[in-house]
């Protein structure tokens, strides 16, 4: 059995000559891994949860676990770096600096464009980390494990730092009022503060002062997801985070999330994830 603290890393140099590696990512994504793709040259077009994203030189894509991704198109001069990690501490690193609202925003806006200096720094950072991994591959000591762990976390912190800058600049440049965008932002703020006790679309529509139908139309139009899908996504992501703690009883988690019974909690989770909370926890502990 693998200890949940063990570091599992996927690193690949991507080019048009080996695009099958991207097409074969489904087997790795099923491991609930986080991925970072750095486009160093050319163009790559992918689909994440039915939404197309096109990456060019200087673009970075952050993939969060549990989402369907597929390759659409690419240029013949494509090249880049792909870094993935299933480390549990990496998830805690992200949670330590990104609240639920920002995590939701990140999942909806997984790409950002870097300036050349930022791109060079990140690429060198990742390549240096990989060299350390190769150099210490035959020496698995407590020191090397902590070293690898800290390197991955450092890359993570740097990317999140760049992402925060990108988001702030985007918001400052967007001075025009967009009604559907404003409704989505207000909904996400409300959702972040109320998701534990309030999970009905009617509640959020009424808080914003809209009919359920109009509210749902605006949210779907702006984000590609219905309010119900957003609510379930936030709740499920948080439940998964609690289930990763083996010391917290499932019954207590159900109570924390305001479910009337543990059986109803289990049904809600299984309908969304496909397995019971107990099975999910067992799978997490096996890694």
C-alpha atoms as a PDB file:
ATOM      1  CA  UNK A   1       0.000   0.000   0.000  1.00  0.00           C
ATOM      2  CA  UNK A   2       1.321   3.409  -0.851  1.00  0.00           C
ATOM      3  CA  UNK A   3       1.487   5.940   1.935  1.00  0.00           C
ATOM      4  CA  UNK A   4      -0.804   8.894   1.292  1.00  0.00           C
ATOM      5  CA  UNK A   5       2.159  11.204   1.801  1.00  0.00           C
ATOM      6  CA  UNK A   6       4.225   9.600  -0.992  1.00  0.00           C
ATOM      7  CA  UNK A   7       4.986  11.852  -3.925  1.00  0.00           C
ATOM      8  CA  UNK A   8       3.864  10.660  -7.335  1.00  0.00           C
ATOM      9  CA  UNK A   9       5.150  12.726 -10.240  1.00  0.00           C
ATOM     10  CA  UNK A  10       4.487  12.717 -13.965  1.00  0.00           C
ATOM     11  CA  UNK A  11       6.813  14.779 -16.134  1.00  0.00           C
ATOM     12  CA  UNK A  12       6.839  14.795 -19.920  1.00  0.00           C
ATOM     13  CA  UNK A  13       8.283  16.970 -22.620  1.00  0.00           C
ATOM     14  CA  UNK A  14       5.430  17.434 -25.064  1.00  0.00           C
ATOM     15  CA  UNK A  15       5.855  18.007 -28.788  1.00  0.00           C
ATOM     16  CA  UNK A  16       3.908  17.389 -31.992  1.00  0.00           C
ATOM     17  CA  UNK A  17       5.905  14.163 -32.358  1.00  0.00           C
ATOM     18  CA  UNK A  18       4.513  12.611 -29.181  1.00  0.00           C
ATOM     19  CA  UNK A  19       0.991  14.064 -28.896  1.00  0.00           C
ATOM     20  CA  UNK A  20      -0.293  10.581 -28.089  1.00  0.00           C
ATOM     21  CA  UNK A  21       0.978  11.333 -24.584  1.00  0.00           C
ATOM     22  CA  UNK A  22      -1.669  14.038 -24.243  1.00  0.00           C
ATOM     23  CA  UNK A  23      -4.321  11.777 -25.744  1.00  0.00           C
ATOM     24  CA  UNK A  24      -3.385   9.067 -23.226  1.00  0.00           C
ATOM     25  CA  UNK A  25      -3.741  11.349 -20.206  1.00  0.00           C
ATOM     26  CA  UNK A  26      -7.113   9.849 -19.216  1.00  0.00           C
ATOM     27  CA  UNK A  27      -5.380   6.932 -17.496  1.00  0.00           C
ATOM     28  CA  UNK A  28      -3.325   9.336 -15.380  1.00  0.00           C
ATOM     29  CA  UNK A  29      -6.133  11.786 -14.709  1.00  0.00           C
ATOM     30  CA  UNK A  30      -8.141   8.947 -13.173  1.00  0.00           C
ATOM     31  CA  UNK A  31      -5.548   9.027 -10.377  1.00  0.00           C
ATOM     32  CA  UNK A  32      -6.867  12.430  -9.256  1.00  0.00           C
ATOM     33  CA  UNK A  33      -3.681  14.194 -10.266  1.00  0.00           C
ATOM     34  CA  UNK A  34      -3.051  17.896 -10.656  1.00  0.00           C
ATOM     35  CA  UNK A  35      -1.423  18.894 -13.957  1.00  0.00           C
ATOM     36  CA  UNK A  36       0.461  21.941 -15.147  1.00  0.00           C
ATOM     37  CA  UNK A  37       1.150  22.379 -18.879  1.00  0.00           C
ATOM     38  CA  UNK A  38       3.584  25.061 -20.014  1.00  0.00           C
ATOM     39  CA  UNK A  39       3.403  25.886 -23.726  1.00  0.00           C
ATOM     40  CA  UNK A  40       6.915  26.891 -24.822  1.00  0.00           C
ATOM     41  CA  UNK A  41       6.183  27.040 -28.544  1.00  0.00           C
ATOM     42  CA  UNK A  42       3.412  26.456 -31.076  1.00  0.00           C
ATOM     43  CA  UNK A  43      -0.289  25.962 -30.399  1.00  0.00           C
ATOM     44  CA  UNK A  44      -2.414  23.387 -28.542  1.00  0.00           C
ATOM     45  CA  UNK A  45      -6.204  23.255 -28.378  1.00  0.00           C
ATOM     46  CA  UNK A  46      -7.867  21.114 -25.721  1.00  0.00           C
ATOM     47  CA  UNK A  47     -11.359  20.554 -24.357  1.00  0.00           C
ATOM     48  CA  UNK A  48     -12.007  20.543 -20.586  1.00  0.00           C
ATOM     49  CA  UNK A  49     -15.529  19.624 -19.488  1.00  0.00           C
ATOM     50  CA  UNK A  50     -16.924  20.632 -22.892  1.00  0.00           C
ATOM     51  CA  UNK A  51     -15.158  24.023 -22.983  1.00  0.00           C
ATOM     52  CA  UNK A  52     -12.387  24.635 -25.539  1.00  0.00           C
ATOM     53  CA  UNK A  53      -9.101  26.297 -24.543  1.00  0.00           C
ATOM     54  CA  UNK A  54      -6.383  27.304 -27.010  1.00  0.00           C
ATOM     55  CA  UNK A  55      -2.814  27.612 -25.748  1.00  0.00           C
ATOM     56  CA  UNK A  56       0.027  29.474 -27.455  1.00  0.00           C
ATOM     57  CA  UNK A  57       3.649  30.213 -26.540  1.00  0.00           C
ATOM     58  CA  UNK A  58       3.741  31.610 -23.029  1.00  0.00           C
ATOM     59  CA  UNK A  59       0.419  30.112 -21.975  1.00  0.00           C
ATOM     60  CA  UNK A  60       0.001  27.901 -18.932  1.00  0.00           C
ATOM     61  CA  UNK A  61      -2.888  25.552 -18.196  1.00  0.00           C
ATOM     62  CA  UNK A  62      -3.687  24.330 -14.678  1.00  0.00           C
ATOM     63  CA  UNK A  63      -5.712  21.115 -14.558  1.00  0.00           C
ATOM     64  CA  UNK A  64      -7.561  20.210 -11.353  1.00  0.00           C
ATOM     65  CA  UNK A  65      -8.659  16.593 -10.678  1.00  0.00           C
ATOM     66  CA  UNK A  66     -11.877  14.947 -11.753  1.00  0.00           C
ATOM     67  CA  UNK A  67     -12.471  16.698 -15.085  1.00  0.00           C
ATOM     68  CA  UNK A  68     -12.770  15.286 -18.598  1.00  0.00           C
ATOM     69  CA  UNK A  69     -10.032  16.533 -20.933  1.00  0.00           C
ATOM     70  CA  UNK A  70      -9.446  15.769 -24.612  1.00  0.00           C
ATOM     71  CA  UNK A  71      -7.138  16.926 -27.416  1.00  0.00           C
ATOM     72  CA  UNK A  72      -8.725  18.909 -30.265  1.00  0.00           C
ATOM     73  CA  UNK A  73      -5.895  20.296 -32.384  1.00  0.00           C
ATOM     74  CA  UNK A  74      -2.210  21.304 -32.336  1.00  0.00           C
ATOM     75  CA  UNK A  75       0.471  22.866 -34.522  1.00  0.00           C
ATOM     76  CA  UNK A  76       3.454  20.942 -35.879  1.00  0.00           C
ATOM     77  CA  UNK A  77       5.883  23.158 -33.961  1.00  0.00           C
ATOM     78  CA  UNK A  78       4.269  22.474 -30.595  1.00  0.00           C
ATOM     79  CA  UNK A  79       6.561  21.978 -27.606  1.00  0.00           C
ATOM     80  CA  UNK A  80       6.036  22.292 -23.881  1.00  0.00           C
ATOM     81  CA  UNK A  81       6.377  20.834 -20.417  1.00  0.00           C
ATOM     82  CA  UNK A  82       3.816  18.723 -18.565  1.00  0.00           C
ATOM     83  CA  UNK A  83       4.091  18.339 -14.801  1.00  0.00           C
ATOM     84  CA  UNK A  84       1.640  16.309 -12.716  1.00  0.00           C
ATOM     85  CA  UNK A  85       1.404  15.406  -9.051  1.00  0.00           C
ATOM     86  CA  UNK A  86      -1.002  13.360  -6.951  1.00  0.00           C
ATOM     87  CA  UNK A  87       0.645  14.351  -3.695  1.00  0.00           C
ATOM     88  CA  UNK A  88      -1.871  14.983  -0.913  1.00  0.00           C
ATOM     89  CA  UNK A  89       0.245  17.803   0.467  1.00  0.00           C
ATOM     90  CA  UNK A  90      -0.011  19.569  -2.901  1.00  0.00           C
ATOM     91  CA  UNK A  91      -3.778  19.722  -2.468  1.00  0.00           C
ATOM     92  CA  UNK A  92      -3.312  21.139   1.013  1.00  0.00           C
ATOM     93  CA  UNK A  93      -0.860  23.684  -0.417  1.00  0.00           C
ATOM     94  CA  UNK A  94      -3.498  24.905  -2.868  1.00  0.00           C
ATOM     95  CA  UNK A  95      -6.201  24.968  -0.191  1.00  0.00           C
ATOM     96  CA  UNK A  96      -3.906  26.948   2.115  1.00  0.00           C
ATOM     97  CA  UNK A  97      -3.764  29.916  -0.277  1.00  0.00           C
ATOM     98  CA  UNK A  98      -6.902  29.512  -2.426  1.00  0.00           C
ATOM     99  CA  UNK A  99     -10.345  29.551  -0.811  1.00  0.00           C
ATOM    100  CA  UNK A 100     -13.312  27.782  -2.409  1.00  0.00           C
ATOM    101  CA  UNK A 101     -14.313  30.854  -4.395  1.00  0.00           C
ATOM    102  CA  UNK A 102     -10.871  31.083  -5.981  1.00  0.00           C
ATOM    103  CA  UNK A 103     -10.762  27.336  -6.603  1.00  0.00           C
ATOM    104  CA  UNK A 104     -14.036  27.587  -8.501  1.00  0.00           C
ATOM    105  CA  UNK A 105     -12.657  30.512 -10.507  1.00  0.00           C
ATOM    106  CA  UNK A 106      -9.498  28.537 -11.211  1.00  0.00           C
ATOM    107  CA  UNK A 107     -11.486  25.572 -12.518  1.00  0.00           C
ATOM    108  CA  UNK A 108     -13.454  27.853 -14.850  1.00  0.00           C
ATOM    109  CA  UNK A 109     -10.379  29.833 -15.936  1.00  0.00           C
ATOM    110  CA  UNK A 110      -7.530  27.284 -16.042  1.00  0.00           C
ATOM    111  CA  UNK A 111      -5.283  29.176 -18.460  1.00  0.00           C
ATOM    112  CA  UNK A 112      -3.123  32.265 -18.156  1.00  0.00           C
ATOM    113  CA  UNK A 113      -0.575  34.000 -20.355  1.00  0.00           C
ATOM    114  CA  UNK A 114       2.901  34.681 -18.989  1.00  0.00           C
ATOM    115  CA  UNK A 115       5.337  37.397 -19.977  1.00  0.00           C
ATOM    116  CA  UNK A 116       8.567  36.077 -21.489  1.00  0.00           C
ATOM    117  CA  UNK A 117      10.490  36.645 -18.251  1.00  0.00           C
ATOM    118  CA  UNK A 118       7.848  34.767 -16.228  1.00  0.00           C
ATOM    119  CA  UNK A 119       7.797  31.945 -18.791  1.00  0.00           C
ATOM    120  CA  UNK A 120      11.589  31.597 -18.650  1.00  0.00           C
ATOM    121  CA  UNK A 121      11.586  31.559 -14.850  1.00  0.00           C
ATOM    122  CA  UNK A 122       8.833  28.932 -14.607  1.00  0.00           C
ATOM    123  CA  UNK A 123      10.352  26.715 -17.321  1.00  0.00           C
ATOM    124  CA  UNK A 124      13.774  26.834 -15.689  1.00  0.00           C
ATOM    125  CA  UNK A 125      12.185  26.205 -12.298  1.00  0.00           C
ATOM    126  CA  UNK A 126      10.399  23.059 -13.533  1.00  0.00           C
ATOM    127  CA  UNK A 127      13.402  21.776 -15.494  1.00  0.00           C
ATOM    128  CA  UNK A 128      15.680  22.235 -12.474  1.00  0.00           C
ATOM    129  CA  UNK A 129      13.201  20.356 -10.278  1.00  0.00           C
ATOM    130  CA  UNK A 130      13.114  17.502 -12.770  1.00  0.00           C
ATOM    131  CA  UNK A 131      16.909  17.289 -12.815  1.00  0.00           C
ATOM    132  CA  UNK A 132      16.864  16.918  -9.037  1.00  0.00           C
ATOM    133  CA  UNK A 133      14.261  14.144  -9.376  1.00  0.00           C
ATOM    134  CA  UNK A 134      16.431  12.303 -11.884  1.00  0.00           C
ATOM    135  CA  UNK A 135      19.569  12.736  -9.795  1.00  0.00           C
ATOM    136  CA  UNK A 136      17.896  11.376  -6.639  1.00  0.00           C
ATOM    137  CA  UNK A 137      15.793   8.666  -8.330  1.00  0.00           C
ATOM    138  CA  UNK A 138      18.022   5.895  -6.986  1.00  0.00           C
ATOM    139  CA  UNK A 139      18.175   7.314  -3.471  1.00  0.00           C
ATOM    140  CA  UNK A 140      14.847   7.250  -1.617  1.00  0.00           C
ATOM    141  CA  UNK A 141      15.701   8.632   1.802  1.00  0.00           C
ATOM    142  CA  UNK A 142      13.731  10.883   4.124  1.00  0.00           C
ATOM    143  CA  UNK A 143      15.878  13.765   2.909  1.00  0.00           C
ATOM    144  CA  UNK A 144      15.212  13.192  -0.798  1.00  0.00           C
ATOM    145  CA  UNK A 145      11.481  12.683  -0.210  1.00  0.00           C
ATOM    146  CA  UNK A 146      11.246  15.987   1.647  1.00  0.00           C
ATOM    147  CA  UNK A 147      13.368  17.641  -1.040  1.00  0.00           C
ATOM    148  CA  UNK A 148      11.085  16.433  -3.855  1.00  0.00           C
ATOM    149  CA  UNK A 149       8.014  17.391  -1.897  1.00  0.00           C
ATOM    150  CA  UNK A 150       9.300  20.920  -1.266  1.00  0.00           C
ATOM    151  CA  UNK A 151      10.271  21.377  -4.934  1.00  0.00           C
ATOM    152  CA  UNK A 152       6.806  20.472  -6.178  1.00  0.00           C
ATOM    153  CA  UNK A 153       5.194  22.715  -3.573  1.00  0.00           C
ATOM    154  CA  UNK A 154       7.519  25.560  -4.559  1.00  0.00           C
ATOM    155  CA  UNK A 155       6.514  25.242  -8.217  1.00  0.00           C
ATOM    156  CA  UNK A 156       2.894  25.187  -7.077  1.00  0.00           C
ATOM    157  CA  UNK A 157       3.282  28.366  -5.012  1.00  0.00           C
ATOM    158  CA  UNK A 158       4.982  30.168  -7.897  1.00  0.00           C
ATOM    159  CA  UNK A 159       2.214  29.229 -10.348  1.00  0.00           C
ATOM    160  CA  UNK A 160      -0.501  30.287  -7.881  1.00  0.00           C
ATOM    161  CA  UNK A 161       1.371  33.569  -7.381  1.00  0.00           C
ATOM    162  CA  UNK A 162       1.372  34.179 -11.148  1.00  0.00           C
ATOM    163  CA  UNK A 163      -2.275  33.203 -11.360  1.00  0.00           C
ATOM    164  CA  UNK A 164      -3.196  35.721  -8.632  1.00  0.00           C
ATOM    165  CA  UNK A 165      -1.382  38.465 -10.554  1.00  0.00           C
ATOM    166  CA  UNK A 166      -3.139  37.446 -13.769  1.00  0.00           C
ATOM    167  CA  UNK A 167      -6.564  37.502 -12.135  1.00  0.00           C
ATOM    168  CA  UNK A 168      -6.003  40.921 -10.550  1.00  0.00           C
ATOM    169  CA  UNK A 169      -4.811  42.434 -13.848  1.00  0.00           C
ATOM    170  CA  UNK A 170      -7.765  40.937 -15.732  1.00  0.00           C
ATOM    171  CA  UNK A 171     -10.260  42.330 -13.236  1.00  0.00           C
ATOM    172  CA  UNK A 172      -8.652  45.793 -13.304  1.00  0.00           C
ATOM    173  CA  UNK A 173      -8.706  45.923 -17.112  1.00  0.00           C
ATOM    174  CA  UNK A 174     -12.330  44.840 -17.348  1.00  0.00           C
ATOM    175  CA  UNK A 175     -14.128  48.118 -16.618  1.00  0.00           C
ATOM    176  CA  UNK A 176     -17.236  47.437 -18.686  1.00  0.00           C
ATOM    177  CA  UNK A 177     -20.304  46.121 -16.855  1.00  0.00           C
ATOM    178  CA  UNK A 178     -21.476  42.679 -17.932  1.00  0.00           C
ATOM    179  CA  UNK A 179     -24.743  41.649 -16.296  1.00  0.00           C
ATOM    180  CA  UNK A 180     -24.321  37.880 -16.611  1.00  0.00           C
ATOM    181  CA  UNK A 181     -20.719  38.110 -15.359  1.00  0.00           C
ATOM    182  CA  UNK A 182     -21.834  40.214 -12.401  1.00  0.00           C
ATOM    183  CA  UNK A 183     -24.578  37.699 -11.554  1.00  0.00           C
ATOM    184  CA  UNK A 184     -22.067  34.836 -11.703  1.00  0.00           C
ATOM    185  CA  UNK A 185     -19.629  36.644  -9.382  1.00  0.00           C
ATOM    186  CA  UNK A 186     -22.388  37.459  -6.890  1.00  0.00           C
ATOM    187  CA  UNK A 187     -23.581  33.856  -7.035  1.00  0.00           C
ATOM    188  CA  UNK A 188     -20.087  32.466  -6.359  1.00  0.00           C
ATOM    189  CA  UNK A 189     -19.578  34.777  -3.380  1.00  0.00           C
ATOM    190  CA  UNK A 190     -22.960  33.736  -1.948  1.00  0.00           C
ATOM    191  CA  UNK A 191     -22.194  30.097  -2.661  1.00  0.00           C
ATOM    192  CA  UNK A 192     -18.843  30.278  -0.897  1.00  0.00           C
ATOM    193  CA  UNK A 193     -20.488  31.632   2.255  1.00  0.00           C
ATOM    194  CA  UNK A 194     -23.607  29.447   2.253  1.00  0.00           C
ATOM    195  CA  UNK A 195     -22.850  26.112   0.556  1.00  0.00           C
ATOM    196  CA  UNK A 196     -22.808  24.121   3.813  1.00  0.00           C
ATOM    197  CA  UNK A 197     -26.422  24.931   4.691  1.00  0.00           C
ATOM    198  CA  UNK A 198     -27.965  26.145   1.437  1.00  0.00           C
ATOM    199  CA  UNK A 199     -27.963  23.910  -1.623  1.00  0.00           C
ATOM    200  CA  UNK A 200     -31.120  24.954  -3.476  1.00  0.00           C
ATOM    201  CA  UNK A 201     -31.048  27.037  -6.661  1.00  0.00           C
ATOM    202  CA  UNK A 202     -34.116  28.915  -5.395  1.00  0.00           C
ATOM    203  CA  UNK A 203     -32.182  30.259  -2.401  1.00  0.00           C
ATOM    204  CA  UNK A 204     -29.397  31.810  -4.488  1.00  0.00           C
ATOM    205  CA  UNK A 205     -31.790  33.179  -7.113  1.00  0.00           C
ATOM    206  CA  UNK A 206     -33.875  34.873  -4.416  1.00  0.00           C
ATOM    207  CA  UNK A 207     -30.781  36.314  -2.716  1.00  0.00           C
ATOM    208  CA  UNK A 208     -29.810  38.004  -5.988  1.00  0.00           C
ATOM    209  CA  UNK A 209     -33.420  39.029  -6.633  1.00  0.00           C
ATOM    210  CA  UNK A 210     -34.049  36.993  -9.788  1.00  0.00           C
ATOM    211  CA  UNK A 211     -36.458  34.294 -10.831  1.00  0.00           C
ATOM    212  CA  UNK A 212     -35.050  30.773 -10.745  1.00  0.00           C
ATOM    213  CA  UNK A 213     -35.404  30.438 -14.526  1.00  0.00           C
ATOM    214  CA  UNK A 214     -33.682  33.734 -15.424  1.00  0.00           C
ATOM    215  CA  UNK A 215     -30.971  33.174 -12.822  1.00  0.00           C
ATOM    216  CA  UNK A 216     -30.239  29.688 -14.177  1.00  0.00           C
ATOM    217  CA  UNK A 217     -30.123  30.987 -17.752  1.00  0.00           C
ATOM    218  CA  UNK A 218     -27.627  33.728 -16.861  1.00  0.00           C
ATOM    219  CA  UNK A 219     -25.336  31.383 -14.920  1.00  0.00           C
ATOM    220  CA  UNK A 220     -25.366  28.732 -17.666  1.00  0.00           C
ATOM    221  CA  UNK A 221     -24.753  31.357 -20.353  1.00  0.00           C
ATOM    222  CA  UNK A 222     -21.779  32.898 -18.515  1.00  0.00           C
ATOM    223  CA  UNK A 223     -20.092  29.778 -17.126  1.00  0.00           C
ATOM    224  CA  UNK A 224     -21.311  26.816 -19.185  1.00  0.00           C
ATOM    225  CA  UNK A 225     -22.683  25.186 -16.028  1.00  0.00           C
ATOM    226  CA  UNK A 226     -26.046  25.319 -14.302  1.00  0.00           C
ATOM    227  CA  UNK A 227     -26.348  26.676 -10.744  1.00  0.00           C
ATOM    228  CA  UNK A 228     -27.117  23.142  -9.563  1.00  0.00           C
ATOM    229  CA  UNK A 229     -23.869  21.859 -11.099  1.00  0.00           C
ATOM    230  CA  UNK A 230     -21.910  24.667  -9.415  1.00  0.00           C
ATOM    231  CA  UNK A 231     -23.490  23.940  -6.036  1.00  0.00           C
ATOM    232  CA  UNK A 232     -22.815  20.207  -6.275  1.00  0.00           C
ATOM    233  CA  UNK A 233     -19.243  20.802  -7.461  1.00  0.00           C
ATOM    234  CA  UNK A 234     -18.390  23.034  -4.509  1.00  0.00           C
ATOM    235  CA  UNK A 235     -19.998  20.712  -1.968  1.00  0.00           C
ATOM    236  CA  UNK A 236     -18.394  17.572  -3.443  1.00  0.00           C
ATOM    237  CA  UNK A 237     -14.924  19.168  -3.614  1.00  0.00           C
ATOM    238  CA  UNK A 238     -15.157  20.164   0.037  1.00  0.00           C
ATOM    239  CA  UNK A 239     -16.498  16.754   1.082  1.00  0.00           C
ATOM    240  CA  UNK A 240     -13.556  15.086  -0.701  1.00  0.00           C
ATOM    241  CA  UNK A 241     -11.194  17.345   1.222  1.00  0.00           C
ATOM    242  CA  UNK A 242     -12.756  16.245   4.533  1.00  0.00           C
ATOM    243  CA  UNK A 243     -12.745  12.566   3.508  1.00  0.00           C
ATOM    244  CA  UNK A 244      -8.983  12.771   2.952  1.00  0.00           C
ATOM    245  CA  UNK A 245      -8.671  13.098   6.728  1.00  0.00           C
ATOM    246  CA  UNK A 246      -8.956   9.500   8.045  1.00  0.00           C
ATOM    247  CA  UNK A 247      -9.452  10.732  11.604  1.00  0.00           C
ATOM    248  CA  UNK A 248     -12.768  12.430  10.866  1.00  0.00           C
ATOM    249  CA  UNK A 249     -15.746   9.997  11.006  1.00  0.00           C
ATOM    250  CA  UNK A 250     -18.004   9.983   7.937  1.00  0.00           C
ATOM    251  CA  UNK A 251     -21.011  10.517  10.186  1.00  0.00           C
ATOM    252  CA  UNK A 252     -19.397  13.695  11.506  1.00  0.00           C
ATOM    253  CA  UNK A 253     -18.717  14.919   7.949  1.00  0.00           C
ATOM    254  CA  UNK A 254     -22.367  14.333   7.039  1.00  0.00           C
ATOM    255  CA  UNK A 255     -23.435  16.350  10.085  1.00  0.00           C
ATOM    256  CA  UNK A 256     -20.955  19.143   9.246  1.00  0.00           C
ATOM    257  CA  UNK A 257     -22.449  19.513   5.770  1.00  0.00           C
ATOM    258  CA  UNK A 258     -25.964  19.680   7.183  1.00  0.00           C
ATOM    259  CA  UNK A 259     -27.277  16.384   5.769  1.00  0.00           C
ATOM    260  CA  UNK A 260     -30.302  14.984   7.591  1.00  0.00           C
ATOM    261  CA  UNK A 261     -28.790  11.499   7.741  1.00  0.00           C
ATOM    262  CA  UNK A 262     -25.625   9.609   6.855  1.00  0.00           C
ATOM    263  CA  UNK A 263     -27.558   7.533   4.304  1.00  0.00           C
ATOM    264  CA  UNK A 264     -28.767  10.676   2.493  1.00  0.00           C
ATOM    265  CA  UNK A 265     -25.206  12.012   2.589  1.00  0.00           C
ATOM    266  CA  UNK A 266     -23.929   8.758   1.060  1.00  0.00           C
ATOM    267  CA  UNK A 267     -26.587   8.834  -1.670  1.00  0.00           C
ATOM    268  CA  UNK A 268     -25.755  12.461  -2.553  1.00  0.00           C
ATOM    269  CA  UNK A 269     -22.026  11.702  -2.782  1.00  0.00           C
ATOM    270  CA  UNK A 270     -22.428   8.467  -4.771  1.00  0.00           C
ATOM    271  CA  UNK A 271     -24.753  10.055  -7.336  1.00  0.00           C
ATOM    272  CA  UNK A 272     -22.066  12.640  -8.097  1.00  0.00           C
ATOM    273  CA  UNK A 273     -18.823  10.671  -7.701  1.00  0.00           C
ATOM    274  CA  UNK A 274     -19.975   7.143  -8.546  1.00  0.00           C
ATOM    275  CA  UNK A 275     -18.755   5.523  -5.336  1.00  0.00           C
ATOM    276  CA  UNK A 276     -19.676   5.815  -1.670  1.00  0.00           C
ATOM    277  CA  UNK A 277     -17.834   8.152   0.756  1.00  0.00           C
ATOM    278  CA  UNK A 278     -16.351   5.082   2.451  1.00  0.00           C
ATOM    279  CA  UNK A 279     -15.044   3.687  -0.855  1.00  0.00           C
ATOM    280  CA  UNK A 280     -13.624   7.087  -1.805  1.00  0.00           C
ATOM    281  CA  UNK A 281     -11.764   7.308   1.511  1.00  0.00           C
ATOM    282  CA  UNK A 282     -10.416   3.778   1.090  1.00  0.00           C
ATOM    283  CA  UNK A 283      -9.123   4.647  -2.398  1.00  0.00           C
ATOM    284  CA  UNK A 284      -7.428   7.792  -1.061  1.00  0.00           C
ATOM    285  CA  UNK A 285      -5.692   5.839   1.712  1.00  0.00           C
ATOM    286  CA  UNK A 286      -4.419   3.223  -0.766  1.00  0.00           C
ATOM    287  CA  UNK A 287      -2.440   5.812  -2.699  1.00  0.00           C
END
